[in-house]
Amino acid sequence: MSRQRSMEAILASDFVTVGELVRLTGARYSTLKFYTEEGMLPFEQAGENLTRRYPREQSVERVGLIRSLRAAGKTIPEIKAALAPAKEERRTPHDL
């Protein structure tokens, strides 16, 4: 079993694991897994064991945004639609 990184090491890192993201946001592990599976929480997958790595700052902000939208009574499909423009901005008509 691997040792947990210190909070200081996590805060200094550009990428975190889902377990570390739980510690940073206070969200449940199952909630973050759901957000990931629904495409609401972007990640990179690299290395031999294919561990998912989440960009720390972007992911913490995204979880906060999702929480605020949920608190405002938005449904998951509505939240996904609200998050979609961020994905679409990266693609321009010239990319198609």
Protein backbone atom coordinates (compact mmCIF):
# COMPACT_ATOMS: atom_id res chain seq x y z
CA MET A 1 0.00 0.00 0.00
CA SER A 2 1.35 3.40 -0.90
CA ARG A 3 1.77 6.27 1.50
CA GLN A 4 -0.40 9.34 1.23
CA ARG A 5 1.32 12.51 0.16
CA SER A 6 1.28 15.40 2.59
CA MET A 7 -1.13 18.25 1.98
CA GLU A 8 1.91 20.45 1.36
CA ALA A 9 3.08 18.10 -1.42
CA ILE A 10 -0.43 17.96 -2.90
CA LEU A 11 -0.73 21.75 -2.96
CA ALA A 12 2.66 22.03 -4.66
CA SER A 13 1.72 19.50 -7.35
CA ASP A 14 0.21 20.32 -10.74
CA PHE A 15 -1.66 17.00 -10.85
CA VAL A 16 -3.50 15.03 -8.16
CA THR A 17 -5.17 11.65 -7.84
CA VAL A 18 -8.89 11.28 -7.22
CA GLY A 19 -8.13 10.47 -3.57
CA GLU A 20 -6.15 13.68 -3.23
CA LEU A 21 -8.95 15.60 -4.94
CA VAL A 22 -11.30 14.20 -2.29
CA ARG A 23 -9.01 15.65 0.37
CA LEU A 24 -8.80 19.04 -1.38
CA THR A 25 -12.53 19.48 -2.05
CA GLY A 26 -14.24 17.48 0.69
CA ALA A 27 -16.35 15.80 -2.01
CA ARG A 28 -17.11 12.10 -1.77
CA TYR A 29 -14.96 9.70 -3.78
CA SER A 30 -18.06 8.26 -5.47
CA THR A 31 -19.21 11.76 -6.44
CA LEU A 32 -15.90 12.58 -8.11
CA LYS A 33 -15.90 9.23 -9.91
CA PHE A 34 -19.42 9.98 -11.17
CA TYR A 35 -18.38 13.44 -12.39
CA THR A 36 -15.40 11.84 -14.15
CA GLU A 37 -17.51 9.14 -15.81
CA GLU A 38 -20.04 11.75 -16.96
CA GLY A 39 -17.25 13.78 -18.58
CA MET A 40 -17.70 16.70 -16.18
CA LEU A 41 -14.27 16.40 -14.58
CA PRO A 42 -11.36 16.20 -17.05
CA PHE A 43 -8.30 14.08 -16.35
CA GLU A 44 -5.17 12.69 -17.96
CA GLN A 45 -4.32 9.03 -17.91
CA ALA A 46 -0.67 8.10 -18.12
CA GLY A 47 1.90 5.68 -16.87
CA GLU A 48 2.05 1.92 -16.71
CA ASN A 49 -0.83 1.55 -14.28
CA LEU A 50 -2.98 4.10 -16.16
CA THR A 51 -3.65 6.15 -13.05
CA ARG A 52 -5.97 9.08 -13.66
CA ARG A 53 -4.32 12.40 -12.91
CA TYR A 54 -6.45 15.51 -12.44
CA PRO A 55 -5.06 19.01 -13.01
CA ARG A 56 -5.23 20.28 -9.42
CA GLU A 57 -6.31 23.92 -9.80
CA GLN A 58 -8.71 23.34 -12.69
CA SER A 59 -10.32 20.34 -10.98
CA VAL A 60 -10.85 22.11 -7.64
CA GLU A 61 -12.45 25.03 -9.48
CA ARG A 62 -14.62 22.66 -11.56
CA VAL A 63 -15.87 20.80 -8.47
CA GLY A 64 -16.74 24.15 -6.88
CA LEU A 65 -18.64 25.21 -9.99
CA ILE A 66 -20.55 21.93 -10.15
CA ARG A 67 -21.44 22.25 -6.47
CA SER A 68 -22.73 25.80 -6.93
CA LEU A 69 -24.83 24.74 -9.93
CA ARG A 70 -26.24 21.80 -7.93
CA ALA A 71 -27.04 24.17 -5.04
CA ALA A 72 -28.89 26.38 -7.53
CA GLY A 73 -31.11 23.40 -8.37
CA LYS A 74 -29.57 22.50 -11.72
CA THR A 75 -29.84 18.91 -12.92
CA ILE A 76 -26.86 16.87 -14.12
CA PRO A 77 -27.85 17.31 -17.81
CA GLU A 78 -28.16 21.07 -17.25
CA ILE A 79 -24.76 21.18 -15.57
CA LYS A 80 -23.19 19.17 -18.39
CA ALA A 81 -24.69 21.64 -20.88
CA ALA A 82 -23.34 24.58 -18.86
CA LEU A 83 -19.87 23.02 -18.82
CA ALA A 84 -19.93 22.12 -22.53
CA PRO A 85 -19.11 25.64 -23.84
CA ALA A 86 -15.75 25.41 -22.08
CA LYS A 87 -14.99 22.32 -24.18
CA GLU A 88 -16.31 23.86 -27.39
CA GLU A 89 -14.20 27.02 -27.00
CA ARG A 90 -11.10 24.96 -27.61
CA ARG A 91 -12.39 23.91 -31.04
CA THR A 92 -12.84 26.51 -33.72
CA PRO A 93 -14.70 26.13 -37.03
CA HIS A 94 -11.28 25.92 -38.68
CA ASP A 95 -10.54 22.76 -36.66
CA LEU A 96 -13.52 20.91 -38.15
